[in-house]
Amino acid sequence: MSQFLVGLAILIIVFNLYYFFNNKAYKKSYFSTVLFMKLFFVLTGVMIGFALLYYALALQDVVLVQTITDKQPIDHSFWNLLYYSGVTLLSVGYGDMLPVGAARFFSLLEAAIGVLLPTAYFIKAIDHSKKDN
Protein backbone atom coordinates (compact mmCIF):
# COMPACT_ATOMS: atom_id res chain seq x y z
CA MET A 1 0.00 0.00 0.00
CA SER A 2 2.79 2.42 0.85
CA GLN A 3 4.44 1.85 -2.55
CA PHE A 4 1.15 2.74 -4.23
CA LEU A 5 0.87 5.95 -2.19
CA VAL A 6 4.47 6.92 -2.95
CA GLY A 7 3.85 6.29 -6.66
CA LEU A 8 0.61 8.29 -6.54
CA ALA A 9 2.33 11.18 -4.74
CA ILE A 10 5.12 11.26 -7.34
CA LEU A 11 2.56 11.16 -10.16
CA ILE A 12 0.62 14.08 -8.64
CA ILE A 13 3.80 16.13 -8.16
CA VAL A 14 4.98 15.47 -11.74
CA PHE A 15 1.53 16.31 -13.14
CA ASN A 16 1.38 19.59 -11.24
CA LEU A 17 4.89 20.58 -12.30
CA TYR A 18 4.03 19.76 -15.92
CA TYR A 19 0.84 21.83 -15.67
CA PHE A 20 2.74 24.73 -14.09
CA PHE A 21 5.40 24.86 -16.80
CA ASN A 22 3.00 24.37 -19.71
CA ASN A 23 0.04 26.49 -18.60
CA LYS A 24 -0.22 29.40 -21.04
CA ALA A 25 -3.30 30.97 -19.45
CA TYR A 26 -1.49 34.20 -18.59
CA LYS A 27 -0.08 36.13 -21.53
CA LYS A 28 1.93 38.50 -19.32
CA SER A 29 3.96 36.63 -16.76
CA TYR A 30 7.15 37.34 -14.87
CA PHE A 31 7.96 33.64 -14.72
CA SER A 32 10.77 32.42 -16.94
CA THR A 33 11.11 28.67 -17.36
CA VAL A 34 14.66 29.10 -18.59
CA LEU A 35 15.68 31.11 -15.51
CA PHE A 36 13.92 28.65 -13.23
CA MET A 37 15.71 25.65 -14.73
CA LYS A 38 19.01 27.51 -14.68
CA LEU A 39 18.53 28.37 -11.00
CA PHE A 40 17.54 24.79 -10.19
CA PHE A 41 20.63 23.32 -11.82
CA VAL A 42 22.94 25.98 -10.37
CA LEU A 43 21.59 25.38 -6.85
CA THR A 44 21.92 21.62 -7.34
CA GLY A 45 25.53 22.06 -8.47
CA VAL A 46 26.32 24.36 -5.54
CA MET A 47 24.74 21.85 -3.14
CA ILE A 48 26.84 18.98 -4.52
CA GLY A 49 29.96 21.16 -4.49
CA PHE A 50 29.52 22.05 -0.83
CA ALA A 51 28.78 18.39 0.00
CA LEU A 52 32.11 17.48 -1.60
CA LEU A 53 33.81 20.25 0.37
CA TYR A 54 32.31 18.94 3.63
CA TYR A 55 33.37 15.43 2.65
CA ALA A 56 36.95 16.58 2.09
CA LEU A 57 36.92 18.34 5.47
CA ALA A 58 35.46 15.22 7.10
CA LEU A 59 38.45 13.19 5.93
CA GLN A 60 40.59 15.32 8.25
CA ASP A 61 38.31 16.02 11.21
CA VAL A 62 34.72 15.88 12.47
CA VAL A 63 32.54 18.42 10.66
CA LEU A 64 29.02 17.52 11.85
CA VAL A 65 27.75 16.70 15.34
CA GLN A 66 24.30 15.98 16.78
CA THR A 67 24.38 18.55 19.55
CA ILE A 68 26.89 21.20 20.50
CA THR A 69 27.03 20.02 24.15
CA ASP A 70 27.92 16.34 23.78
CA LYS A 71 29.56 16.73 20.33
CA GLN A 72 28.63 13.21 19.24
CA PRO A 73 29.84 13.00 15.62
CA ILE A 74 27.47 12.15 12.82
CA ASP A 75 28.47 9.52 10.27
CA HIS A 76 30.30 11.40 7.52
CA SER A 77 28.81 9.48 4.62
CA PHE A 78 28.43 11.46 1.41
CA TRP A 79 24.62 11.15 1.65
CA ASN A 80 24.54 12.69 5.12
CA LEU A 81 26.77 15.51 3.93
CA LEU A 82 24.63 16.02 0.80
CA TYR A 83 21.53 16.16 3.00
CA TYR A 84 23.21 18.68 5.32
CA SER A 85 24.32 20.74 2.32
CA GLY A 86 20.78 20.82 0.91
CA VAL A 87 19.22 21.75 4.24
CA THR A 88 21.78 24.54 4.65
CA LEU A 89 21.54 25.87 1.08
CA LEU A 90 17.76 25.97 1.12
CA SER A 91 17.74 27.60 4.58
CA VAL A 92 15.56 24.85 6.03
CA GLY A 93 17.84 24.27 9.01
CA TYR A 94 16.18 21.31 10.74
CA GLY A 95 18.83 21.37 13.45
CA ASP A 96 19.51 17.64 13.40
CA MET A 97 23.11 18.26 12.31
CA LEU A 98 25.38 21.04 13.52
CA PRO A 99 28.65 22.08 11.87
CA VAL A 100 31.87 22.31 13.85
CA GLY A 101 35.31 23.60 12.99
CA ALA A 102 35.91 24.94 9.48
CA ALA A 103 32.51 23.62 8.37
CA ARG A 104 30.87 26.44 10.35
CA PHE A 105 32.38 29.09 8.05
CA PHE A 106 31.47 27.18 4.91
CA SER A 107 27.93 26.62 6.21
CA LEU A 108 27.48 30.37 6.61
CA LEU A 109 28.79 30.93 3.10
CA GLU A 110 26.48 28.27 1.68
CA ALA A 111 23.46 29.69 3.50
CA ALA A 112 24.27 33.17 2.16
CA ILE A 113 24.47 31.79 -1.38
CA GLY A 114 21.17 29.99 -0.83
CA VAL A 115 19.45 33.25 0.10
CA LEU A 116 21.15 35.65 -2.31
CA LEU A 117 21.24 33.57 -5.50
CA PRO A 118 17.45 33.08 -5.83
CA THR A 119 16.98 36.75 -4.98
CA ALA A 120 19.34 37.73 -7.79
CA TYR A 121 17.48 35.46 -10.23
CA PHE A 122 14.15 36.94 -9.14
CA ILE A 123 15.42 40.49 -9.71
CA LYS A 124 16.80 39.42 -13.08
CA ALA A 125 13.41 37.97 -14.08
CA ILE A 126 11.60 41.18 -13.06
CA ASP A 127 14.15 43.32 -14.90
CA HIS A 128 13.85 41.13 -18.02
CA SER A 129 10.05 41.40 -17.97
CA LYS A 130 10.23 45.22 -17.76
CA LYS A 131 12.47 45.32 -20.85
CA ASP A 132 9.85 43.34 -22.80
CA ASN A 133 7.15 45.98 -22.09
C-alpha atoms as a PDB file:
ATOM      1  CA  MET A   1       0.000   0.000   0.000  1.00  0.00           C
ATOM      2  CA  SER A   2       2.795   2.420   0.855  1.00  0.00           C
ATOM      3  CA  GLN A   3       4.441   1.847  -2.550  1.00  0.00           C
ATOM      4  CA  PHE A   4       1.152   2.740  -4.229  1.00  0.00           C
ATOM      5  CA  LEU A   5       0.868   5.946  -2.191  1.00  0.00           C
ATOM      6  CA  VAL A   6       4.468   6.924  -2.948  1.00  0.00           C
ATOM      7  CA  GLY A   7       3.850   6.289  -6.659  1.00  0.00           C
ATOM      8  CA  LEU A   8       0.611   8.285  -6.545  1.00  0.00           C
ATOM      9  CA  ALA A   9       2.330  11.178  -4.742  1.00  0.00           C
ATOM     10  CA  ILE A  10       5.119  11.260  -7.339  1.00  0.00           C
ATOM     11  CA  LEU A  11       2.558  11.160 -10.159  1.00  0.00           C
ATOM     12  CA  ILE A  12       0.618  14.083  -8.638  1.00  0.00           C
ATOM     13  CA  ILE A  13       3.804  16.127  -8.163  1.00  0.00           C
ATOM     14  CA  VAL A  14       4.977  15.473 -11.743  1.00  0.00           C
ATOM     15  CA  PHE A  15       1.531  16.306 -13.144  1.00  0.00           C
ATOM     16  CA  ASN A  16       1.384  19.588 -11.237  1.00  0.00           C
ATOM     17  CA  LEU A  17       4.889  20.576 -12.297  1.00  0.00           C
ATOM     18  CA  TYR A  18       4.033  19.760 -15.923  1.00  0.00           C
ATOM     19  CA  TYR A  19       0.842  21.825 -15.673  1.00  0.00           C
ATOM     20  CA  PHE A  20       2.736  24.726 -14.088  1.00  0.00           C
ATOM     21  CA  PHE A  21       5.395  24.860 -16.802  1.00  0.00           C
ATOM     22  CA  ASN A  22       3.004  24.367 -19.714  1.00  0.00           C
ATOM     23  CA  ASN A  23       0.043  26.489 -18.601  1.00  0.00           C
ATOM     24  CA  LYS A  24      -0.223  29.395 -21.038  1.00  0.00           C
ATOM     25  CA  ALA A  25      -3.297  30.973 -19.446  1.00  0.00           C
ATOM     26  CA  TYR A  26      -1.492  34.197 -18.586  1.00  0.00           C
ATOM     27  CA  LYS A  27      -0.076  36.131 -21.526  1.00  0.00           C
ATOM     28  CA  LYS A  28       1.932  38.501 -19.319  1.00  0.00           C
ATOM     29  CA  SER A  29       3.956  36.630 -16.757  1.00  0.00           C
ATOM     30  CA  TYR A  30       7.146  37.343 -14.874  1.00  0.00           C
ATOM     31  CA  PHE A  31       7.955  33.636 -14.724  1.00  0.00           C
ATOM     32  CA  SER A  32      10.775  32.421 -16.936  1.00  0.00           C
ATOM     33  CA  THR A  33      11.108  28.670 -17.360  1.00  0.00           C
ATOM     34  CA  VAL A  34      14.663  29.102 -18.589  1.00  0.00           C
ATOM     35  CA  LEU A  35      15.683  31.115 -15.513  1.00  0.00           C
ATOM     36  CA  PHE A  36      13.919  28.647 -13.230  1.00  0.00           C
ATOM     37  CA  MET A  37      15.709  25.647 -14.730  1.00  0.00           C
ATOM     38  CA  LYS A  38      19.009  27.505 -14.680  1.00  0.00           C
ATOM     39  CA  LEU A  39      18.528  28.373 -11.003  1.00  0.00           C
ATOM     40  CA  PHE A  40      17.537  24.785 -10.190  1.00  0.00           C
ATOM     41  CA  PHE A  41      20.628  23.324 -11.819  1.00  0.00           C
ATOM     42  CA  VAL A  42      22.944  25.979 -10.375  1.00  0.00           C
ATOM     43  CA  LEU A  43      21.590  25.383  -6.854  1.00  0.00           C
ATOM     44  CA  THR A  44      21.917  21.622  -7.336  1.00  0.00           C
ATOM     45  CA  GLY A  45      25.531  22.059  -8.469  1.00  0.00           C
ATOM     46  CA  VAL A  46      26.325  24.356  -5.543  1.00  0.00           C
ATOM     47  CA  MET A  47      24.741  21.851  -3.142  1.00  0.00           C
ATOM     48  CA  ILE A  48      26.838  18.984  -4.519  1.00  0.00           C
ATOM     49  CA  GLY A  49      29.960  21.162  -4.494  1.00  0.00           C
ATOM     50  CA  PHE A  50      29.519  22.049  -0.828  1.00  0.00           C
ATOM     51  CA  ALA A  51      28.780  18.393   0.003  1.00  0.00           C
ATOM     52  CA  LEU A  52      32.111  17.476  -1.598  1.00  0.00           C
ATOM     53  CA  LEU A  53      33.809  20.246   0.372  1.00  0.00           C
ATOM     54  CA  TYR A  54      32.306  18.944   3.628  1.00  0.00           C
ATOM     55  CA  TYR A  55      33.367  15.428   2.647  1.00  0.00           C
ATOM     56  CA  ALA A  56      36.948  16.582   2.092  1.00  0.00           C
ATOM     57  CA  LEU A  57      36.919  18.345   5.467  1.00  0.00           C
ATOM     58  CA  ALA A  58      35.460  15.220   7.099  1.00  0.00           C
ATOM     59  CA  LEU A  59      38.453  13.189   5.925  1.00  0.00           C
ATOM     60  CA  GLN A  60      40.595  15.320   8.247  1.00  0.00           C
ATOM     61  CA  ASP A  61      38.309  16.023  11.211  1.00  0.00           C
ATOM     62  CA  VAL A  62      34.718  15.879  12.472  1.00  0.00           C
ATOM     63  CA  VAL A  63      32.543  18.421  10.659  1.00  0.00           C
ATOM     64  CA  LEU A  64      29.022  17.520  11.853  1.00  0.00           C
ATOM     65  CA  VAL A  65      27.745  16.697  15.337  1.00  0.00           C
ATOM     66  CA  GLN A  66      24.299  15.978  16.775  1.00  0.00           C
ATOM     67  CA  THR A  67      24.381  18.547  19.553  1.00  0.00           C
ATOM     68  CA  ILE A  68      26.891  21.198  20.501  1.00  0.00           C
ATOM     69  CA  THR A  69      27.030  20.023  24.148  1.00  0.00           C
ATOM     70  CA  ASP A  70      27.918  16.337  23.775  1.00  0.00           C
ATOM     71  CA  LYS A  71      29.556  16.726  20.331  1.00  0.00           C
ATOM     72  CA  GLN A  72      28.630  13.215  19.240  1.00  0.00           C
ATOM     73  CA  PRO A  73      29.839  13.005  15.625  1.00  0.00           C
ATOM     74  CA  ILE A  74      27.469  12.154  12.815  1.00  0.00           C
ATOM     75  CA  ASP A  75      28.469   9.522  10.274  1.00  0.00           C
ATOM     76  CA  HIS A  76      30.296  11.396   7.519  1.00  0.00           C
ATOM     77  CA  SER A  77      28.807   9.480   4.624  1.00  0.00           C
ATOM     78  CA  PHE A  78      28.431  11.461   1.411  1.00  0.00           C
ATOM     79  CA  TRP A  79      24.623  11.148   1.647  1.00  0.00           C
ATOM     80  CA  ASN A  80      24.542  12.686   5.117  1.00  0.00           C
ATOM     81  CA  LEU A  81      26.774  15.508   3.927  1.00  0.00           C
ATOM     82  CA  LEU A  82      24.634  16.023   0.797  1.00  0.00           C
ATOM     83  CA  TYR A  83      21.531  16.160   3.003  1.00  0.00           C
ATOM     84  CA  TYR A  84      23.211  18.682   5.316  1.00  0.00           C
ATOM     85  CA  SER A  85      24.317  20.744   2.321  1.00  0.00           C
ATOM     86  CA  GLY A  86      20.784  20.816   0.906  1.00  0.00           C
ATOM     87  CA  VAL A  87      19.221  21.749   4.238  1.00  0.00           C
ATOM     88  CA  THR A  88      21.778  24.544   4.653  1.00  0.00           C
ATOM     89  CA  LEU A  89      21.544  25.873   1.082  1.00  0.00           C
ATOM     90  CA  LEU A  90      17.762  25.970   1.117  1.00  0.00           C
ATOM     91  CA  SER A  91      17.744  27.595   4.581  1.00  0.00           C
ATOM     92  CA  VAL A  92      15.557  24.845   6.027  1.00  0.00           C
ATOM     93  CA  GLY A  93      17.838  24.269   9.010  1.00  0.00           C
ATOM     94  CA  TYR A  94      16.179  21.311  10.736  1.00  0.00           C
ATOM     95  CA  GLY A  95      18.831  21.374  13.454  1.00  0.00           C
ATOM     96  CA  ASP A  96      19.505  17.637  13.405  1.00  0.00           C
ATOM     97  CA  MET A  97      23.108  18.258  12.313  1.00  0.00           C
ATOM     98  CA  LEU A  98      25.382  21.037  13.522  1.00  0.00           C
ATOM     99  CA  PRO A  99      28.648  22.078  11.868  1.00  0.00           C
ATOM    100  CA  VAL A 100      31.872  22.312  13.848  1.00  0.00           C
ATOM    101  CA  GLY A 101      35.314  23.605  12.990  1.00  0.00           C
ATOM    102  CA  ALA A 102      35.914  24.939   9.484  1.00  0.00           C
ATOM    103  CA  ALA A 103      32.512  23.625   8.365  1.00  0.00           C
ATOM    104  CA  ARG A 104      30.871  26.440  10.346  1.00  0.00           C
ATOM    105  CA  PHE A 105      32.375  29.094   8.055  1.00  0.00           C
ATOM    106  CA  PHE A 106      31.471  27.184   4.906  1.00  0.00           C
ATOM    107  CA  SER A 107      27.928  26.615   6.214  1.00  0.00           C
ATOM    108  CA  LEU A 108      27.481  30.373   6.611  1.00  0.00           C
ATOM    109  CA  LEU A 109      28.791  30.929   3.103  1.00  0.00           C
ATOM    110  CA  GLU A 110      26.483  28.267   1.680  1.00  0.00           C
ATOM    111  CA  ALA A 111      23.460  29.690   3.500  1.00  0.00           C
ATOM    112  CA  ALA A 112      24.268  33.173   2.158  1.00  0.00           C
ATOM    113  CA  ILE A 113      24.469  31.786  -1.382  1.00  0.00           C
ATOM    114  CA  GLY A 114      21.169  29.994  -0.829  1.00  0.00           C
ATOM    115  CA  VAL A 115      19.453  33.247   0.095  1.00  0.00           C
ATOM    116  CA  LEU A 116      21.151  35.654  -2.306  1.00  0.00           C
ATOM    117  CA  LEU A 117      21.240  33.574  -5.498  1.00  0.00           C
ATOM    118  CA  PRO A 118      17.452  33.081  -5.831  1.00  0.00           C
ATOM    119  CA  THR A 119      16.981  36.753  -4.977  1.00  0.00           C
ATOM    120  CA  ALA A 120      19.336  37.730  -7.793  1.00  0.00           C
ATOM    121  CA  TYR A 121      17.475  35.461 -10.227  1.00  0.00           C
ATOM    122  CA  PHE A 122      14.148  36.944  -9.135  1.00  0.00           C
ATOM    123  CA  ILE A 123      15.421  40.485  -9.705  1.00  0.00           C
ATOM    124  CA  LYS A 124      16.802  39.425 -13.076  1.00  0.00           C
ATOM    125  CA  ALA A 125      13.414  37.969 -14.078  1.00  0.00           C
ATOM    126  CA  ILE A 126      11.599  41.175 -13.056  1.00  0.00           C
ATOM    127  CA  ASP A 127      14.150  43.317 -14.905  1.00  0.00           C
ATOM    128  CA  HIS A 128      13.851  41.128 -18.015  1.00  0.00           C
ATOM    129  CA  SER A 129      10.052  41.400 -17.969  1.00  0.00           C
ATOM    130  CA  LYS A 130      10.231  45.220 -17.755  1.00  0.00           C
ATOM    131  CA  LYS A 131      12.465  45.320 -20.853  1.00  0.00           C
ATOM    132  CA  ASP A 132       9.850  43.340 -22.802  1.00  0.00           C
ATOM    133  CA  ASN A 133       7.155  45.976 -22.093  1.00  0.00           C
END
